[in-house]
N, C-alpha and C. Protein backbone atom coordinates (compact mmCIF):
# COMPACT_ATOMS: atom_id res chain seq x y z
N MET A 1 -42.47 42.60 18.98
CA MET A 1 -42.94 43.52 19.94
C MET A 1 -41.97 44.64 20.29
N GLU A 2 -40.70 44.27 20.41
CA GLU A 2 -39.72 45.25 20.79
C GLU A 2 -39.66 46.45 19.84
N SER A 3 -39.83 46.19 18.55
CA SER A 3 -39.77 47.32 17.55
C SER A 3 -40.95 48.26 17.77
N ALA A 4 -42.12 47.74 18.10
CA ALA A 4 -43.26 48.62 18.41
C ALA A 4 -43.04 49.51 19.66
N TYR A 5 -42.49 48.86 20.72
CA TYR A 5 -42.21 49.64 21.91
C TYR A 5 -41.14 50.70 21.63
N GLU A 6 -40.11 50.28 20.87
CA GLU A 6 -39.06 51.21 20.48
C GLU A 6 -39.57 52.39 19.71
N GLU A 7 -40.47 52.17 18.77
CA GLU A 7 -41.08 53.23 17.99
C GLU A 7 -41.92 54.17 18.82
N CYS A 8 -42.68 53.61 19.73
CA CYS A 8 -43.50 54.45 20.61
C CYS A 8 -42.69 55.27 21.60
N LEU A 9 -41.61 54.65 22.10
CA LEU A 9 -40.72 55.40 22.99
C LEU A 9 -40.04 56.52 22.26
N HIS A 10 -39.59 56.25 21.06
CA HIS A 10 -38.90 57.24 20.23
C HIS A 10 -39.94 58.44 19.98
N TYR A 11 -41.15 58.09 19.70
CA TYR A 11 -42.18 59.13 19.47
C TYR A 11 -42.39 60.00 20.79
N GLU A 12 -42.51 59.29 21.91
CA GLU A 12 -42.76 60.05 23.17
C GLU A 12 -41.57 60.90 23.52
N LEU A 13 -40.33 60.48 23.30
CA LEU A 13 -39.14 61.29 23.54
C LEU A 13 -39.11 62.52 22.69
N ASP A 14 -39.47 62.32 21.32
CA ASP A 14 -39.54 63.44 20.41
C ASP A 14 -40.61 64.44 20.85
N LYS A 15 -41.72 63.92 21.35
CA LYS A 15 -42.84 64.74 21.73
C LYS A 15 -42.48 65.65 22.88
N ILE A 16 -41.59 65.28 23.75
CA ILE A 16 -41.16 66.16 24.86
C ILE A 16 -39.89 66.94 24.55
N GLY A 17 -39.47 66.85 23.28
CA GLY A 17 -38.35 67.70 22.86
C GLY A 17 -36.99 67.09 23.00
N LEU A 18 -36.83 65.81 23.27
CA LEU A 18 -35.58 65.16 23.36
C LEU A 18 -35.21 64.50 22.02
N VAL A 19 -33.94 64.68 21.59
CA VAL A 19 -33.49 64.14 20.32
C VAL A 19 -33.09 62.71 20.55
N SER A 20 -33.66 61.82 19.81
CA SER A 20 -33.26 60.39 19.96
C SER A 20 -33.06 59.86 18.55
N ILE A 21 -32.09 58.94 18.45
CA ILE A 21 -31.82 58.27 17.24
C ILE A 21 -32.10 56.80 17.41
N LYS A 22 -32.86 56.23 16.43
CA LYS A 22 -33.24 54.81 16.53
C LYS A 22 -32.25 53.98 15.76
N GLN A 23 -31.93 52.80 16.28
CA GLN A 23 -31.13 51.79 15.58
C GLN A 23 -29.76 52.41 15.13
N LYS A 24 -29.07 53.12 15.97
CA LYS A 24 -27.82 53.80 15.64
C LYS A 24 -26.77 52.71 15.50
N PRO A 25 -26.10 52.62 14.32
CA PRO A 25 -25.02 51.69 14.17
C PRO A 25 -23.85 51.95 15.10
N MET A 26 -23.29 50.95 15.66
CA MET A 26 -22.22 51.06 16.57
C MET A 26 -21.04 50.16 16.13
N PRO A 27 -20.08 50.72 15.36
CA PRO A 27 -19.00 49.92 14.91
C PRO A 27 -17.99 49.66 16.02
N LEU A 28 -17.21 48.68 15.87
CA LEU A 28 -16.12 48.32 16.78
C LEU A 28 -14.84 48.82 16.13
N VAL A 29 -14.01 49.54 16.81
CA VAL A 29 -12.69 49.92 16.30
C VAL A 29 -11.64 49.04 16.79
N TYR A 30 -11.03 48.36 15.86
CA TYR A 30 -9.96 47.40 16.23
C TYR A 30 -8.71 47.75 15.42
N GLU A 31 -7.57 48.05 16.10
CA GLU A 31 -6.35 48.45 15.49
C GLU A 31 -6.59 49.54 14.43
N ASN A 32 -7.27 50.60 14.84
CA ASN A 32 -7.62 51.77 14.02
C ASN A 32 -8.46 51.45 12.83
N LYS A 33 -9.12 50.34 12.83
CA LYS A 33 -10.01 49.99 11.71
C LYS A 33 -11.39 49.79 12.28
N LYS A 34 -12.41 50.49 11.62
CA LYS A 34 -13.79 50.31 12.05
C LYS A 34 -14.28 48.99 11.45
N LEU A 35 -14.88 48.17 12.35
CA LEU A 35 -15.43 46.90 11.92
C LEU A 35 -16.99 46.97 12.17
N ASP A 36 -17.76 46.77 11.12
CA ASP A 36 -19.22 46.75 11.31
C ASP A 36 -19.63 45.36 11.63
N LEU A 37 -20.04 45.17 12.91
CA LEU A 37 -20.37 43.85 13.37
C LEU A 37 -21.92 43.69 13.46
N GLY A 38 -22.61 44.74 13.05
CA GLY A 38 -24.03 44.71 13.13
C GLY A 38 -24.58 45.14 14.44
N TYR A 39 -23.70 45.72 15.36
CA TYR A 39 -24.23 46.28 16.57
C TYR A 39 -25.09 47.50 16.27
N ARG A 40 -26.23 47.55 16.91
CA ARG A 40 -27.11 48.71 16.77
C ARG A 40 -27.74 49.02 18.12
N ILE A 41 -27.59 50.35 18.46
CA ILE A 41 -28.19 50.83 19.72
C ILE A 41 -29.69 51.09 19.41
N ASP A 42 -30.58 50.53 20.25
CA ASP A 42 -32.00 50.77 20.06
C ASP A 42 -32.33 52.25 20.00
N LEU A 43 -31.94 52.99 21.03
CA LEU A 43 -32.21 54.44 21.08
C LEU A 43 -31.04 55.14 21.73
N LEU A 44 -30.52 56.15 21.07
CA LEU A 44 -29.52 56.99 21.64
C LEU A 44 -30.16 58.34 21.86
N VAL A 45 -30.28 58.76 23.14
CA VAL A 45 -30.95 59.96 23.54
C VAL A 45 -30.00 61.11 23.81
N GLU A 46 -30.19 62.22 23.06
CA GLU A 46 -29.40 63.37 23.28
C GLU A 46 -27.90 63.07 23.13
N GLY A 47 -27.52 62.03 22.47
CA GLY A 47 -26.15 61.67 22.29
C GLY A 47 -25.42 61.27 23.56
N LYS A 48 -26.21 61.03 24.63
CA LYS A 48 -25.59 60.73 25.94
C LYS A 48 -26.14 59.50 26.62
N VAL A 49 -27.35 59.15 26.39
CA VAL A 49 -27.95 58.00 27.09
C VAL A 49 -28.42 56.94 26.11
N ILE A 50 -28.12 55.75 26.43
CA ILE A 50 -28.50 54.59 25.55
C ILE A 50 -29.66 53.88 26.25
N ILE A 51 -30.71 53.60 25.41
CA ILE A 51 -31.76 52.84 25.88
C ILE A 51 -31.86 51.54 25.07
N GLU A 52 -31.80 50.42 25.82
CA GLU A 52 -31.97 49.09 25.15
C GLU A 52 -33.34 48.61 25.53
N VAL A 53 -34.12 48.34 24.48
CA VAL A 53 -35.53 47.90 24.64
C VAL A 53 -35.69 46.43 24.56
N LYS A 54 -36.39 45.85 25.55
CA LYS A 54 -36.66 44.40 25.55
C LYS A 54 -38.12 44.16 25.79
N SER A 55 -38.54 42.99 25.40
CA SER A 55 -39.83 42.49 25.77
C SER A 55 -39.72 41.00 26.00
N VAL A 56 -39.19 40.66 27.18
CA VAL A 56 -38.84 39.30 27.48
C VAL A 56 -39.44 38.93 28.81
N ASP A 57 -39.56 37.57 29.04
CA ASP A 57 -40.07 37.08 30.33
C ASP A 57 -39.20 37.44 31.51
N ALA A 58 -37.90 37.44 31.27
CA ALA A 58 -36.93 37.81 32.28
C ALA A 58 -35.69 38.37 31.70
N VAL A 59 -35.16 39.43 32.30
CA VAL A 59 -33.90 39.99 31.82
C VAL A 59 -32.79 39.16 32.29
N ASN A 60 -31.96 38.74 31.31
CA ASN A 60 -30.78 37.88 31.61
C ASN A 60 -29.50 38.66 31.67
N PRO A 61 -28.44 38.12 32.24
CA PRO A 61 -27.17 38.79 32.23
C PRO A 61 -26.70 39.16 30.86
N VAL A 62 -27.02 38.40 29.92
CA VAL A 62 -26.58 38.71 28.54
C VAL A 62 -27.15 40.05 28.04
N HIS A 63 -28.39 40.37 28.42
CA HIS A 63 -29.04 41.66 28.09
C HIS A 63 -28.26 42.83 28.72
N GLN A 64 -27.85 42.70 29.98
CA GLN A 64 -27.06 43.74 30.60
C GLN A 64 -25.69 43.84 30.00
N ALA A 65 -25.09 42.72 29.68
CA ALA A 65 -23.79 42.68 29.02
C ALA A 65 -23.86 43.41 27.66
N GLN A 66 -24.95 43.20 26.92
CA GLN A 66 -25.09 43.90 25.65
C GLN A 66 -25.12 45.41 25.84
N LEU A 67 -25.87 45.88 26.85
CA LEU A 67 -25.90 47.33 27.12
C LEU A 67 -24.53 47.81 27.57
N MET A 68 -23.81 47.05 28.36
CA MET A 68 -22.48 47.50 28.82
C MET A 68 -21.57 47.57 27.63
N THR A 69 -21.64 46.69 26.68
CA THR A 69 -20.85 46.74 25.42
C THR A 69 -21.12 48.01 24.66
N TYR A 70 -22.38 48.37 24.53
CA TYR A 70 -22.73 49.62 23.82
C TYR A 70 -22.23 50.82 24.56
N LEU A 71 -22.25 50.83 25.86
CA LEU A 71 -21.76 51.97 26.63
C LEU A 71 -20.27 52.12 26.39
N LYS A 72 -19.54 51.01 26.51
CA LYS A 72 -18.12 51.05 26.30
C LYS A 72 -17.71 51.52 24.88
N LEU A 73 -18.41 51.03 23.86
CA LEU A 73 -18.08 51.35 22.46
C LEU A 73 -18.49 52.78 22.12
N SER A 74 -19.51 53.26 22.74
CA SER A 74 -19.97 54.61 22.40
C SER A 74 -19.39 55.75 23.20
N GLY A 75 -18.85 55.41 24.30
CA GLY A 75 -18.34 56.50 25.21
C GLY A 75 -19.42 57.03 26.10
N CYS A 76 -20.62 56.59 25.99
CA CYS A 76 -21.71 57.04 26.88
C CYS A 76 -21.46 56.44 28.30
N ARG A 77 -22.02 57.10 29.27
CA ARG A 77 -21.84 56.60 30.61
C ARG A 77 -23.07 56.07 31.27
N ILE A 78 -24.25 56.43 30.72
CA ILE A 78 -25.51 56.02 31.33
C ILE A 78 -26.36 55.30 30.30
N GLY A 79 -27.00 54.23 30.74
CA GLY A 79 -27.89 53.46 29.90
C GLY A 79 -29.04 52.92 30.69
N PHE A 80 -30.14 52.66 29.99
CA PHE A 80 -31.30 52.06 30.58
C PHE A 80 -31.64 50.80 29.85
N LEU A 81 -31.92 49.75 30.57
CA LEU A 81 -32.42 48.51 29.98
C LEU A 81 -33.89 48.45 30.36
N ILE A 82 -34.76 48.57 29.40
CA ILE A 82 -36.15 48.66 29.66
C ILE A 82 -36.91 47.41 29.13
N ASN A 83 -37.46 46.62 30.01
CA ASN A 83 -38.29 45.46 29.61
C ASN A 83 -39.73 45.84 29.74
N PHE A 84 -40.37 45.78 28.64
CA PHE A 84 -41.80 46.14 28.58
C PHE A 84 -42.76 44.98 28.93
N ASN A 85 -42.20 43.78 29.05
CA ASN A 85 -43.02 42.62 29.32
C ASN A 85 -43.13 42.35 30.83
N VAL A 86 -43.63 43.39 31.52
CA VAL A 86 -43.88 43.37 32.97
C VAL A 86 -45.22 43.98 33.29
N GLU A 87 -45.77 43.63 34.49
CA GLU A 87 -47.08 44.19 34.83
C GLU A 87 -47.00 45.68 35.02
N SER A 88 -45.96 46.11 35.76
CA SER A 88 -45.77 47.56 35.99
C SER A 88 -44.43 47.97 35.37
N LEU A 89 -44.45 48.99 34.52
CA LEU A 89 -43.25 49.36 33.81
C LEU A 89 -42.08 49.70 34.70
N LYS A 90 -42.42 50.29 35.87
CA LYS A 90 -41.32 50.66 36.81
C LYS A 90 -40.54 49.46 37.24
N ASP A 91 -41.11 48.24 37.18
CA ASP A 91 -40.41 47.05 37.51
C ASP A 91 -39.50 46.55 36.40
N GLY A 92 -39.67 47.09 35.22
CA GLY A 92 -38.91 46.67 34.07
C GLY A 92 -37.78 47.59 33.69
N ILE A 93 -37.52 48.61 34.47
CA ILE A 93 -36.45 49.55 34.18
C ILE A 93 -35.21 49.32 35.04
N ARG A 94 -34.05 49.17 34.37
CA ARG A 94 -32.79 49.08 35.07
C ARG A 94 -31.82 50.14 34.55
N ARG A 95 -31.28 50.87 35.37
CA ARG A 95 -30.26 51.88 35.06
C ARG A 95 -28.88 51.27 35.19
N VAL A 96 -28.04 51.52 34.19
CA VAL A 96 -26.70 51.00 34.19
C VAL A 96 -25.74 52.20 34.03
N ILE A 97 -24.82 52.31 34.89
CA ILE A 97 -23.84 53.35 34.83
C ILE A 97 -22.43 52.73 34.59
N LEU A 98 -21.73 53.23 33.61
CA LEU A 98 -20.41 52.71 33.26
C LEU A 98 -19.40 53.42 34.15
């Protein structure tokens, strides 16, 4: 389900003129060496905002930690954790600022 929500959100962002990149690889730099650990940002919007898409019964601390990791590695300061598995979407949106 998350991939479908991600694709639709990407489409909607594009439709309003925002540039977004899906599944952007996020390497870890360790001692000046890039390590590909398989980290992938769900959506990177305008090169500044990270959106992590979920479709879960409850958002857990590990989901927020995942977003925080992406913010730290990317240098972005703002991210959104969006859980689509809620009655009202406004209840599923969490803004995270680094």
